Amino acid sequence: MADQEEWSSNASEALHISFVQAGQTSPITLSTFHPKFTYPIFGEEEHIFGYQGLKIDIRFAAHDLLPNVSVSYDKKFKAVEDTKALEIEGTLKEWMPEISFQKPAEYESQVQQTTSARDWKPPGELLESYTSRGRKYEIWSAELTDPAVQQLIDRIQILVSFFIEGGTPIPLDDQDWSLARWRVFFV
């Protein structure tokens, strides 16, 4: 049996969450951080078995929250009978939309080619604008029945499980009358 510690990675340390935007030649990272909780996805121990030098990058485009998952590692455990490495992408597919798993080069190209990023506005209606410390802020509101709102929520709601103790994603496949009860606010 493989040495558990040798082939286990702390999920919170291995996972890097970033927000990116188009740069001169490739996307630039605005902010990178680690999740607070990973047990909803990777189990109570918050460890991932089967890798050495594991790094999981989850990037979001700053304007429309387009996600991308990239997994890299130095070594992967070769399966011995029933003992095998966790399939990370398979595990994350239960939590993230399919578009999250395109190749990093395709994702970066898509972020770079988005000409509307600078002028992007959240879906819904503008409720208020204000300026604080020299920066302009806007508050937008929309119903959860709006497909554009659902797309944004679907892309980002994995963060609920990463940062809210016991938080779970909301089901977006409810009937419209149920979703219409909810308003989403964007700042």
N, C-alpha and C. Protein backbone atom coordinates (compact mmCIF):
# COMPACT_ATOMS: atom_id res chain seq x y z
N MET A 1 0.85 -1.19 0.00
CA MET A 1 0.00 0.00 0.00
C MET A 1 0.88 1.24 0.00
N ALA A 2 0.49 2.22 -0.76
CA ALA A 2 1.25 3.46 -0.86
C ALA A 2 1.22 4.23 0.45
N ASP A 3 2.28 4.96 0.72
CA ASP A 3 2.34 5.82 1.89
C ASP A 3 1.34 6.95 1.68
N GLN A 4 0.30 7.01 2.54
CA GLN A 4 -0.76 8.00 2.40
C GLN A 4 -0.23 9.43 2.33
N GLU A 5 0.68 9.77 3.24
CA GLU A 5 1.18 11.14 3.29
C GLU A 5 1.97 11.50 2.04
N GLU A 6 2.74 10.55 1.53
CA GLU A 6 3.55 10.80 0.34
C GLU A 6 2.68 11.12 -0.87
N TRP A 7 1.47 10.55 -0.92
CA TRP A 7 0.59 10.72 -2.08
C TRP A 7 -0.66 11.54 -1.77
N SER A 8 -0.70 12.23 -0.65
CA SER A 8 -1.85 13.06 -0.29
C SER A 8 -1.48 14.53 -0.35
N SER A 9 -2.41 15.32 -0.83
CA SER A 9 -2.22 16.77 -0.89
C SER A 9 -3.33 17.45 -0.12
N ASN A 10 -2.98 18.48 0.62
CA ASN A 10 -3.98 19.29 1.30
C ASN A 10 -4.78 20.02 0.23
N ALA A 11 -6.07 19.76 0.16
CA ALA A 11 -6.91 20.32 -0.91
C ALA A 11 -6.93 21.85 -0.88
N SER A 12 -6.99 22.43 0.31
CA SER A 12 -7.05 23.90 0.41
C SER A 12 -5.75 24.55 -0.07
N GLU A 13 -4.62 23.89 0.16
CA GLU A 13 -3.34 24.44 -0.29
C GLU A 13 -3.12 24.20 -1.78
N ALA A 14 -3.61 23.08 -2.29
CA ALA A 14 -3.41 22.74 -3.70
C ALA A 14 -4.30 23.57 -4.62
N LEU A 15 -5.42 24.05 -4.09
CA LEU A 15 -6.40 24.76 -4.91
C LEU A 15 -6.13 26.26 -4.88
N HIS A 16 -6.05 26.85 -6.06
CA HIS A 16 -5.82 28.29 -6.22
C HIS A 16 -6.98 28.87 -7.01
N ILE A 17 -7.65 29.86 -6.46
CA ILE A 17 -8.77 30.53 -7.12
C ILE A 17 -8.27 31.90 -7.56
N SER A 18 -8.53 32.23 -8.83
CA SER A 18 -8.05 33.51 -9.37
C SER A 18 -9.13 34.20 -10.17
N PHE A 19 -9.04 35.52 -10.20
CA PHE A 19 -9.85 36.33 -11.11
C PHE A 19 -8.89 36.94 -12.11
N VAL A 20 -9.22 36.84 -13.39
CA VAL A 20 -8.34 37.31 -14.46
C VAL A 20 -9.09 38.24 -15.39
N GLN A 21 -8.32 39.02 -16.14
CA GLN A 21 -8.87 39.85 -17.20
C GLN A 21 -7.87 39.91 -18.33
N ALA A 22 -8.31 40.36 -19.48
CA ALA A 22 -7.44 40.44 -20.64
C ALA A 22 -6.28 41.39 -20.36
N GLY A 23 -5.09 40.98 -20.80
CA GLY A 23 -3.89 41.81 -20.68
C GLY A 23 -3.40 42.18 -22.06
N GLN A 24 -2.16 42.66 -22.15
CA GLN A 24 -1.60 43.04 -23.44
C GLN A 24 -1.51 41.85 -24.40
N THR A 25 -0.97 40.74 -23.91
CA THR A 25 -0.79 39.56 -24.78
C THR A 25 -1.44 38.30 -24.21
N SER A 26 -1.68 38.28 -22.90
CA SER A 26 -2.32 37.13 -22.27
C SER A 26 -3.05 37.63 -21.03
N PRO A 27 -4.00 36.83 -20.52
CA PRO A 27 -4.74 37.28 -19.34
C PRO A 27 -3.82 37.59 -18.16
N ILE A 28 -4.19 38.63 -17.42
CA ILE A 28 -3.45 38.98 -16.21
C ILE A 28 -4.29 38.61 -14.99
N THR A 29 -3.63 38.20 -13.94
CA THR A 29 -4.30 37.79 -12.72
C THR A 29 -4.50 39.00 -11.83
N LEU A 30 -5.75 39.23 -11.45
CA LEU A 30 -6.08 40.36 -10.57
C LEU A 30 -5.93 39.99 -9.11
N SER A 31 -6.27 38.74 -8.78
CA SER A 31 -6.22 38.28 -7.40
C SER A 31 -6.21 36.76 -7.38
N THR A 32 -5.44 36.18 -6.46
CA THR A 32 -5.40 34.73 -6.27
C THR A 32 -5.50 34.44 -4.78
N PHE A 33 -6.27 33.42 -4.43
CA PHE A 33 -6.45 33.07 -3.04
C PHE A 33 -6.82 31.59 -2.93
N HIS A 34 -6.79 31.07 -1.71
CA HIS A 34 -7.13 29.68 -1.43
C HIS A 34 -8.52 29.62 -0.81
N PRO A 35 -9.23 28.50 -0.99
CA PRO A 35 -10.54 28.37 -0.35
C PRO A 35 -10.41 28.16 1.16
N LYS A 36 -11.45 28.48 1.87
CA LYS A 36 -11.47 28.24 3.32
C LYS A 36 -11.88 26.80 3.62
N PHE A 37 -12.85 26.30 2.86
CA PHE A 37 -13.35 24.93 3.06
C PHE A 37 -13.27 24.16 1.75
N THR A 38 -12.85 22.91 1.83
CA THR A 38 -12.87 22.04 0.65
C THR A 38 -13.57 20.72 0.93
N TYR A 39 -14.02 20.53 2.18
CA TYR A 39 -14.63 19.25 2.54
C TYR A 39 -15.91 18.92 1.78
N PRO A 40 -16.74 19.91 1.37
CA PRO A 40 -17.93 19.52 0.62
C PRO A 40 -17.59 18.80 -0.70
N ILE A 41 -16.45 19.13 -1.25
CA ILE A 41 -16.06 18.59 -2.55
C ILE A 41 -15.08 17.43 -2.41
N PHE A 42 -14.10 17.57 -1.53
CA PHE A 42 -13.03 16.57 -1.44
C PHE A 42 -13.08 15.71 -0.17
N GLY A 43 -14.13 15.85 0.65
CA GLY A 43 -14.28 15.01 1.83
C GLY A 43 -13.80 15.66 3.12
N GLU A 44 -14.25 15.10 4.22
CA GLU A 44 -13.98 15.65 5.56
C GLU A 44 -12.51 15.88 5.86
N GLU A 45 -11.64 15.03 5.36
CA GLU A 45 -10.21 15.16 5.62
C GLU A 45 -9.59 16.33 4.86
N GLU A 46 -10.27 16.81 3.83
CA GLU A 46 -9.79 17.89 2.97
C GLU A 46 -8.43 17.57 2.35
N HIS A 47 -8.26 16.31 2.00
CA HIS A 47 -7.04 15.86 1.33
C HIS A 47 -7.40 15.16 0.03
N ILE A 48 -6.51 15.26 -0.94
CA ILE A 48 -6.70 14.61 -2.24
C ILE A 48 -5.60 13.56 -2.38
N PHE A 49 -6.02 12.32 -2.57
CA PHE A 49 -5.06 11.23 -2.69
C PHE A 49 -4.66 11.01 -4.14
N GLY A 50 -3.37 10.71 -4.33
CA GLY A 50 -2.90 10.22 -5.62
C GLY A 50 -1.97 11.12 -6.38
N TYR A 51 -1.51 12.20 -5.77
CA TYR A 51 -0.68 13.15 -6.50
C TYR A 51 0.47 13.66 -5.63
N GLN A 52 1.55 14.01 -6.31
CA GLN A 52 2.64 14.75 -5.69
C GLN A 52 2.80 16.04 -6.48
N GLY A 53 3.00 17.14 -5.77
CA GLY A 53 3.15 18.44 -6.43
C GLY A 53 1.86 18.89 -7.09
N LEU A 54 0.72 18.61 -6.48
CA LEU A 54 -0.59 18.92 -7.06
C LEU A 54 -0.89 20.41 -7.02
N LYS A 55 -1.41 20.92 -8.12
CA LYS A 55 -1.89 22.30 -8.19
C LYS A 55 -3.17 22.31 -9.02
N ILE A 56 -4.23 22.85 -8.43
CA ILE A 56 -5.52 22.98 -9.11
C ILE A 56 -5.79 24.47 -9.23
N ASP A 57 -5.87 24.97 -10.45
CA ASP A 57 -6.17 26.37 -10.70
C ASP A 57 -7.61 26.49 -11.17
N ILE A 58 -8.39 27.28 -10.46
CA ILE A 58 -9.74 27.62 -10.91
C ILE A 58 -9.73 29.12 -11.16
N ARG A 59 -9.87 29.49 -12.42
CA ARG A 59 -9.83 30.91 -12.80
C ARG A 59 -11.23 31.36 -13.24
N PHE A 60 -11.53 32.61 -12.96
CA PHE A 60 -12.78 33.23 -13.39
C PHE A 60 -12.44 34.53 -14.11
N ALA A 61 -13.05 34.75 -15.27
CA ALA A 61 -12.91 36.03 -15.94
C ALA A 61 -13.62 37.07 -15.07
N ALA A 62 -12.98 38.18 -14.83
CA ALA A 62 -13.49 39.17 -13.89
C ALA A 62 -14.83 39.78 -14.33
N HIS A 63 -15.09 39.84 -15.61
CA HIS A 63 -16.31 40.50 -16.05
C HIS A 63 -17.52 39.57 -16.10
N ASP A 64 -17.42 38.41 -16.74
CA ASP A 64 -18.58 37.53 -16.89
C ASP A 64 -18.44 36.21 -16.13
N LEU A 65 -17.39 36.10 -15.32
CA LEU A 65 -17.15 34.94 -14.46
C LEU A 65 -16.95 33.64 -15.23
N LEU A 66 -16.52 33.73 -16.48
CA LEU A 66 -16.22 32.52 -17.25
C LEU A 66 -15.17 31.72 -16.50
N PRO A 67 -15.47 30.45 -16.15
CA PRO A 67 -14.53 29.68 -15.34
C PRO A 67 -13.62 28.78 -16.18
N ASN A 68 -12.51 28.41 -15.57
CA ASN A 68 -11.59 27.44 -16.17
C ASN A 68 -10.88 26.68 -15.07
N VAL A 69 -10.82 25.36 -15.25
CA VAL A 69 -10.13 24.48 -14.31
C VAL A 69 -8.89 23.92 -14.99
N SER A 70 -7.77 24.00 -14.32
CA SER A 70 -6.53 23.44 -14.82
C SER A 70 -5.87 22.66 -13.69
N VAL A 71 -5.54 21.40 -13.96
CA VAL A 71 -4.91 20.54 -12.95
C VAL A 71 -3.51 20.16 -13.41
N SER A 72 -2.54 20.37 -12.55
CA SER A 72 -1.17 19.96 -12.87
C SER A 72 -0.57 19.26 -11.64
N TYR A 73 0.43 18.43 -11.87
CA TYR A 73 1.08 17.69 -10.79
C TYR A 73 2.42 17.18 -11.28
N ASP A 74 3.29 16.84 -10.34
CA ASP A 74 4.60 16.27 -10.68
C ASP A 74 4.48 14.78 -10.94
N LYS A 75 3.76 14.07 -10.07
CA LYS A 75 3.59 12.62 -10.22
C LYS A 75 2.16 12.23 -9.87
N LYS A 76 1.66 11.18 -10.56
CA LYS A 76 0.33 10.64 -10.26
C LYS A 76 0.49 9.19 -9.84
N PHE A 77 -0.21 8.80 -8.80
CA PHE A 77 -0.15 7.44 -8.26
C PHE A 77 -0.68 6.44 -9.28
N LYS A 78 0.08 5.40 -9.51
CA LYS A 78 -0.37 4.33 -10.41
C LYS A 78 -1.28 3.41 -9.60
N ALA A 79 -2.47 3.14 -10.11
CA ALA A 79 -3.48 2.35 -9.40
C ALA A 79 -2.95 0.98 -9.02
N VAL A 80 -3.27 0.56 -7.80
CA VAL A 80 -2.95 -0.77 -7.29
C VAL A 80 -4.27 -1.33 -6.77
N GLU A 81 -4.80 -2.30 -7.49
CA GLU A 81 -6.11 -2.89 -7.18
C GLU A 81 -7.15 -1.78 -7.07
N ASP A 82 -7.80 -1.64 -5.93
CA ASP A 82 -8.85 -0.63 -5.78
C ASP A 82 -8.33 0.74 -5.35
N THR A 83 -7.04 0.83 -5.08
CA THR A 83 -6.46 2.10 -4.64
C THR A 83 -5.98 2.88 -5.85
N LYS A 84 -6.58 4.05 -6.07
CA LYS A 84 -6.22 4.87 -7.22
C LYS A 84 -6.34 6.35 -6.87
N ALA A 85 -5.73 7.17 -7.71
CA ALA A 85 -5.77 8.62 -7.53
C ALA A 85 -7.20 9.13 -7.76
N LEU A 86 -7.58 10.15 -7.00
CA LEU A 86 -8.87 10.79 -7.20
C LEU A 86 -8.91 11.44 -8.58
N GLU A 87 -9.99 11.24 -9.30
CA GLU A 87 -10.16 11.92 -10.59
C GLU A 87 -10.68 13.33 -10.29
N ILE A 88 -9.78 14.28 -10.28
CA ILE A 88 -10.09 15.64 -9.84
C ILE A 88 -11.10 16.31 -10.77
N GLU A 89 -10.87 16.25 -12.07
CA GLU A 89 -11.81 16.90 -12.98
C GLU A 89 -13.18 16.26 -12.88
N GLY A 90 -13.23 14.94 -12.76
CA GLY A 90 -14.51 14.25 -12.60
C GLY A 90 -15.24 14.70 -11.35
N THR A 91 -14.49 14.90 -10.28
CA THR A 91 -15.08 15.37 -9.02
C THR A 91 -15.60 16.79 -9.18
N LEU A 92 -14.82 17.66 -9.81
CA LEU A 92 -15.23 19.06 -9.96
C LEU A 92 -16.38 19.23 -10.96
N LYS A 93 -16.54 18.29 -11.88
CA LYS A 93 -17.64 18.38 -12.86
C LYS A 93 -19.00 18.34 -12.19
N GLU A 94 -19.07 17.78 -11.01
CA GLU A 94 -20.33 17.77 -10.26
C GLU A 94 -20.65 19.15 -9.68
N TRP A 95 -19.66 20.03 -9.65
CA TRP A 95 -19.81 21.33 -9.00
C TRP A 95 -19.71 22.52 -9.95
N MET A 96 -19.22 22.29 -11.16
CA MET A 96 -18.95 23.40 -12.08
C MET A 96 -19.54 23.11 -13.45
N PRO A 97 -19.87 24.17 -14.22
CA PRO A 97 -20.43 23.95 -15.55
C PRO A 97 -19.39 23.34 -16.50
N GLU A 98 -19.88 22.68 -17.53
CA GLU A 98 -19.02 21.98 -18.49
C GLU A 98 -17.99 22.91 -19.14
N ILE A 99 -18.35 24.15 -19.36
CA ILE A 99 -17.43 25.09 -20.02
C ILE A 99 -16.15 25.31 -19.19
N SER A 100 -16.18 24.95 -17.92
CA SER A 100 -15.02 25.12 -17.04
C SER A 100 -13.83 24.26 -17.44
N PHE A 101 -14.08 23.24 -18.25
CA PHE A 101 -13.05 22.25 -18.51
C PHE A 101 -12.45 22.34 -19.91
N GLN A 102 -12.56 23.50 -20.54
CA GLN A 102 -11.88 23.67 -21.82
C GLN A 102 -10.38 23.81 -21.57
N LYS A 103 -9.59 23.57 -22.58
CA LYS A 103 -8.13 23.66 -22.44
C LYS A 103 -7.74 25.08 -22.05
N PRO A 104 -6.73 25.20 -21.17
CA PRO A 104 -6.31 26.54 -20.72
C PRO A 104 -6.00 27.50 -21.87
N ALA A 105 -5.37 27.01 -22.93
CA ALA A 105 -5.04 27.89 -24.07
C ALA A 105 -6.32 28.42 -24.73
N GLU A 106 -7.34 27.59 -24.84
CA GLU A 106 -8.62 28.03 -25.41
C GLU A 106 -9.28 29.07 -24.51
N TYR A 107 -9.23 28.81 -23.21
CA TYR A 107 -9.80 29.74 -22.23
C TYR A 107 -9.10 31.10 -22.32
N GLU A 108 -7.77 31.09 -22.31
CA GLU A 108 -7.01 32.34 -22.37
C GLU A 108 -7.31 33.10 -23.65
N SER A 109 -7.43 32.39 -24.75
CA SER A 109 -7.77 33.03 -26.02
C SER A 109 -9.15 33.67 -25.94
N GLN A 110 -10.09 32.96 -25.34
CA GLN A 110 -11.45 33.49 -25.21
C GLN A 110 -11.46 34.74 -24.33
N VAL A 111 -10.72 34.73 -23.23
CA VAL A 111 -10.65 35.91 -22.35
C VAL A 111 -10.01 37.08 -23.11
N GLN A 112 -8.94 36.80 -23.83
CA GLN A 112 -8.23 37.86 -24.57
C GLN A 112 -9.09 38.46 -25.68
N GLN A 113 -9.90 37.64 -26.33
CA GLN A 113 -10.68 38.10 -27.49
C GLN A 113 -12.00 38.75 -27.11
N THR A 114 -12.37 38.74 -25.85
CA THR A 114 -13.62 39.35 -25.43
C THR A 114 -13.46 40.86 -25.45
N THR A 115 -14.06 41.47 -26.48
CA THR A 115 -13.92 42.92 -26.64
C THR A 115 -14.89 43.70 -25.75
N SER A 116 -15.92 43.04 -25.27
CA SER A 116 -16.94 43.73 -24.47
C SER A 116 -16.63 43.75 -22.98
N ALA A 117 -15.52 43.19 -22.56
CA ALA A 117 -15.22 43.08 -21.12
C ALA A 117 -15.20 44.45 -20.43
N ARG A 118 -14.61 45.42 -21.06
CA ARG A 118 -14.50 46.75 -20.43
C ARG A 118 -15.87 47.39 -20.23
N ASP A 119 -16.80 47.14 -21.15
CA ASP A 119 -18.12 47.76 -21.08
C ASP A 119 -19.19 46.81 -20.54
N TRP A 120 -18.78 45.67 -20.02
CA TRP A 120 -19.73 44.66 -19.56
C TRP A 120 -20.56 45.18 -18.40
N LYS A 121 -21.84 44.87 -18.43
CA LYS A 121 -22.77 45.24 -17.36
C LYS A 121 -23.47 43.97 -16.88
N PRO A 122 -23.75 43.86 -15.59
CA PRO A 122 -24.50 42.71 -15.10
C PRO A 122 -25.92 42.71 -15.69
N PRO A 123 -26.56 41.55 -15.73
CA PRO A 123 -27.94 41.52 -16.21
C PRO A 123 -28.87 42.21 -15.21
N GLY A 124 -30.03 42.63 -15.70
CA GLY A 124 -31.03 43.23 -14.82
C GLY A 124 -31.06 44.74 -14.97
N GLU A 125 -31.53 45.38 -13.91
CA GLU A 125 -31.69 46.83 -13.95
C GLU A 125 -30.73 47.50 -12.95
N LEU A 126 -30.23 48.65 -13.35
CA LEU A 126 -29.37 49.45 -12.48
C LEU A 126 -30.24 50.12 -11.43
N LEU A 127 -29.96 49.86 -10.16
CA LEU A 127 -30.74 50.44 -9.07
C LEU A 127 -30.12 51.73 -8.55
N GLU A 128 -28.78 51.74 -8.46
CA GLU A 128 -28.11 52.90 -7.88
C GLU A 128 -26.65 52.91 -8.28
N SER A 129 -26.09 54.11 -8.37
CA SER A 129 -24.65 54.30 -8.60
C SER A 129 -24.13 55.21 -7.50
N TYR A 130 -22.90 54.97 -7.09
CA TYR A 130 -22.28 55.85 -6.10
C TYR A 130 -20.77 55.77 -6.25
N THR A 131 -20.09 56.76 -5.69
CA THR A 131 -18.65 56.81 -5.73
C THR A 131 -18.12 56.79 -4.30
N SER A 132 -17.10 55.98 -4.09
CA SER A 132 -16.46 55.89 -2.78
C SER A 132 -14.97 55.76 -2.98
N ARG A 133 -14.22 56.61 -2.29
CA ARG A 133 -12.75 56.60 -2.39
C ARG A 133 -12.27 56.67 -3.84
N GLY A 134 -12.96 57.47 -4.63
CA GLY A 134 -12.55 57.69 -6.01
C GLY A 134 -12.94 56.59 -6.98
N ARG A 135 -13.68 55.59 -6.53
CA ARG A 135 -14.11 54.49 -7.41
C ARG A 135 -15.62 54.52 -7.55
N LYS A 136 -16.09 54.26 -8.77
CA LYS A 136 -17.51 54.25 -9.04
C LYS A 136 -18.06 52.83 -8.83
N TYR A 137 -19.20 52.74 -8.14
CA TYR A 137 -19.86 51.47 -7.88
C TYR A 137 -21.29 51.54 -8.39
N GLU A 138 -21.83 50.38 -8.80
CA GLU A 138 -23.21 50.29 -9.25
C GLU A 138 -23.86 49.09 -8.58
N ILE A 139 -25.14 49.22 -8.29
CA ILE A 139 -25.92 48.11 -7.74
C ILE A 139 -26.96 47.73 -8.78
N TRP A 140 -26.93 46.47 -9.20
CA TRP A 140 -27.84 45.93 -10.20
C TRP A 140 -28.70 44.86 -9.55
N SER A 141 -29.90 44.67 -10.10
CA SER A 141 -30.81 43.67 -9.57
C SER A 141 -31.53 42.98 -10.72
N ALA A 142 -31.74 41.66 -10.57
CA ALA A 142 -32.46 40.89 -11.58
C ALA A 142 -33.09 39.67 -10.93
N GLU A 143 -34.10 39.12 -11.58
CA GLU A 143 -34.73 37.89 -11.10
C GLU A 143 -33.88 36.69 -11.44
N LEU A 144 -33.97 35.68 -10.63
CA LEU A 144 -33.23 34.45 -10.86
C LEU A 144 -33.78 33.67 -12.06
N THR A 145 -34.92 34.08 -12.60
CA THR A 145 -35.46 33.44 -13.81
C THR A 145 -34.72 33.89 -15.06
N ASP A 146 -33.98 34.98 -14.98
CA ASP A 146 -33.23 35.51 -16.13
C ASP A 146 -32.10 34.54 -16.48
N PRO A 147 -32.05 34.03 -17.73
CA PRO A 147 -30.99 33.09 -18.12
C PRO A 147 -29.58 33.64 -17.93
N ALA A 148 -29.39 34.94 -18.13
CA ALA A 148 -28.06 35.53 -17.94
C ALA A 148 -27.65 35.50 -16.47
N VAL A 149 -28.60 35.71 -15.57
CA VAL A 149 -28.33 35.62 -14.13
C VAL A 149 -28.01 34.18 -13.77
N GLN A 150 -28.80 33.25 -14.29
CA GLN A 150 -28.56 31.83 -14.01
C GLN A 150 -27.17 31.41 -14.47
N GLN A 151 -26.74 31.92 -15.63
CA GLN A 151 -25.41 31.58 -16.13
C GLN A 151 -24.33 32.07 -15.17
N LEU A 152 -24.45 33.30 -14.69
CA LEU A 152 -23.46 33.83 -13.74
C LEU A 152 -23.45 33.03 -12.44
N ILE A 153 -24.62 32.73 -11.92
CA ILE A 153 -24.72 31.97 -10.68
C ILE A 153 -24.12 30.58 -10.87
N ASP A 154 -24.45 29.92 -11.97
CA ASP A 154 -23.93 28.58 -12.25
C ASP A 154 -22.40 28.59 -12.31
N ARG A 155 -21.84 29.63 -12.88
CA ARG A 155 -20.39 29.72 -13.02
C ARG A 155 -19.68 29.93 -11.69
N ILE A 156 -20.27 30.67 -10.79
CA ILE A 156 -19.55 31.11 -9.59
C ILE A 156 -19.97 30.40 -8.31
N GLN A 157 -21.06 29.64 -8.33
CA GLN A 157 -21.58 29.17 -7.05
C GLN A 157 -20.73 28.11 -6.35
N ILE A 158 -19.71 27.59 -7.00
CA ILE A 158 -18.79 26.69 -6.28
C ILE A 158 -18.14 27.44 -5.11
N LEU A 159 -18.04 28.77 -5.23
CA LEU A 159 -17.44 29.56 -4.15
C LEU A 159 -18.27 29.52 -2.88
N VAL A 160 -19.57 29.27 -3.00
CA VAL A 160 -20.42 29.13 -1.81
C VAL A 160 -19.86 28.01 -0.93
N SER A 161 -19.58 26.86 -1.55
CA SER A 161 -19.07 25.71 -0.78
C SER A 161 -17.65 25.95 -0.29
N PHE A 162 -16.88 26.75 -1.02
CA PHE A 162 -15.50 27.03 -0.61
C PHE A 162 -15.40 28.03 0.54
N PHE A 163 -16.40 28.90 0.71
CA PHE A 163 -16.26 29.98 1.68
C PHE A 163 -17.37 30.12 2.71
N ILE A 164 -18.47 29.39 2.56
CA ILE A 164 -19.55 29.47 3.54
C ILE A 164 -19.70 28.10 4.20
N GLU A 165 -19.47 28.05 5.48
CA GLU A 165 -19.56 26.79 6.23
C GLU A 165 -20.93 26.17 6.00
N GLY A 166 -20.95 24.98 5.45
CA GLY A 166 -22.20 24.26 5.19
C GLY A 166 -22.97 24.78 3.99
N GLY A 167 -22.41 25.74 3.26
CA GLY A 167 -23.10 26.32 2.11
C GLY A 167 -23.19 25.33 0.95
N THR A 168 -24.31 25.32 0.28
CA THR A 168 -24.49 24.45 -0.89
C THR A 168 -25.00 25.27 -2.06
N PRO A 169 -24.66 24.85 -3.27
CA PRO A 169 -25.17 25.56 -4.46
C PRO A 169 -26.69 25.51 -4.52
N ILE A 170 -27.28 26.54 -5.11
CA ILE A 170 -28.74 26.56 -5.25
C ILE A 170 -29.12 25.85 -6.55
N PRO A 171 -30.23 25.12 -6.52
CA PRO A 171 -30.68 24.44 -7.74
C PRO A 171 -31.26 25.46 -8.72
N LEU A 172 -30.73 25.48 -9.91
CA LEU A 172 -31.21 26.42 -10.92
C LEU A 172 -32.21 25.77 -11.88
N ASP A 173 -32.51 24.50 -11.63
CA ASP A 173 -33.45 23.80 -12.51
C ASP A 173 -34.85 23.74 -11.91
N ASP A 174 -35.12 24.55 -10.87
CA ASP A 174 -36.47 24.64 -10.32
C ASP A 174 -37.40 25.27 -11.36
N GLN A 175 -38.68 25.17 -11.10
CA GLN A 175 -39.65 25.78 -11.99
C GLN A 175 -39.53 27.30 -11.89
N ASP A 176 -39.88 27.98 -12.99
CA ASP A 176 -39.76 29.44 -13.02
C ASP A 176 -40.50 30.14 -11.88
N TRP A 177 -41.68 29.64 -11.51
CA TRP A 177 -42.42 30.30 -10.44
C TRP A 177 -41.63 30.27 -9.14
N SER A 178 -40.85 29.22 -8.95
CA SER A 178 -40.04 29.11 -7.73
C SER A 178 -38.84 30.05 -7.81
N LEU A 179 -38.19 30.08 -8.96
CA LEU A 179 -37.02 30.95 -9.13
C LEU A 179 -37.39 32.42 -9.10
N ALA A 180 -38.61 32.75 -9.54
CA ALA A 180 -39.06 34.14 -9.59
C ALA A 180 -39.17 34.76 -8.20
N ARG A 181 -39.17 33.94 -7.16
CA ARG A 181 -39.24 34.48 -5.79
C ARG A 181 -37.95 35.18 -5.40
N TRP A 182 -36.88 34.91 -6.13
CA TRP A 182 -35.55 35.37 -5.73
C TRP A 182 -35.05 36.49 -6.64
N ARG A 183 -34.47 37.48 -6.01
CA ARG A 183 -33.78 38.53 -6.77
C ARG A 183 -32.29 38.42 -6.44
N VAL A 184 -31.48 38.66 -7.43
CA VAL A 184 -30.04 38.62 -7.28
C VAL A 184 -29.52 40.04 -7.41
N PHE A 185 -28.60 40.43 -6.52
CA PHE A 185 -28.01 41.76 -6.55
C PHE A 185 -26.54 41.65 -6.88
N PHE A 186 -26.09 42.54 -7.75
CA PHE A 186 -24.68 42.60 -8.14
C PHE A 186 -24.15 43.97 -7.78
N VAL A 187 -22.96 44.03 -7.22
CA VAL A 187 -22.33 45.32 -6.91
C VAL A 187 -21.09 45.42 -7.77
